[in-house]
Amino acid sequence: MGRALRADAERSVRAILEAAEQVLADDPGASMEQIGERAGLTRTTVHRRFANRQSLMDALAISAKQQLADAIEAGNPDSAPPLVALHRVTANVLRTKNAWRFTLGSPLADTSAAAEIWDRINARCLDLLTRAQRDGLLHPDADLEWTRQVYYALMSEALLRYPEDQDPDASATDTLATLVIDTLLHGTGRRS
């Protein structure tokens, strides 16, 4: 019985987090009760899982950033050829960032646990860019920290092509990933 309760608790936490992302994206001042309504749960259940709004925001930050880290790992950044890995990671990250725009764009989502996940994300990105540089995709003298920042900016700009209420389909996400990688590797000038 304890195991079923635990699975039920995990489902309700996931439902609350997903509802919070949607509700807070529309109204950052929304109440815990409004979030519970969107999740199909009572206010009591929401408060049982999250004592207050800050604990909910902390959980949102950790969950969204962990999903971002998982999206990166799903792209096989260590084992796939660097160009393939860059494309997979970019497409996965674009999908995740699109699903969690409010939380990933919120300065309120910077808890110490979320910051640790973010540090791991940055390190994984630099590892992948280092592999790309060794493979000749990036100039041997390229500043990889700058390249990482540009890469992140390109992904953020790519998402602006879709309004927040419009979810790009898989082919559109792949097209955006190709655009990001192509711009990162070749810029916008003429190719030789």
Foldseek 3Di string as FASTA:
>chain_A
DVVVVVVVLVLLLVLLLLLCLVVCVVPVPDDCQSSCVSSVHGSVSSCVNPVGPLSSLQVNLLVLLVQLVVQLVVLVLPPDQLVSSLLSSLLSNLQSCLSRVPSVVDPSHDDPNSVVSVVVVLVSQLVSVVSCVVVVLAPVPDDSVVLVVLLVVLSVVLNVVDPSVDRDDSVSSSVSSVVSSCCSRPNDDDDD
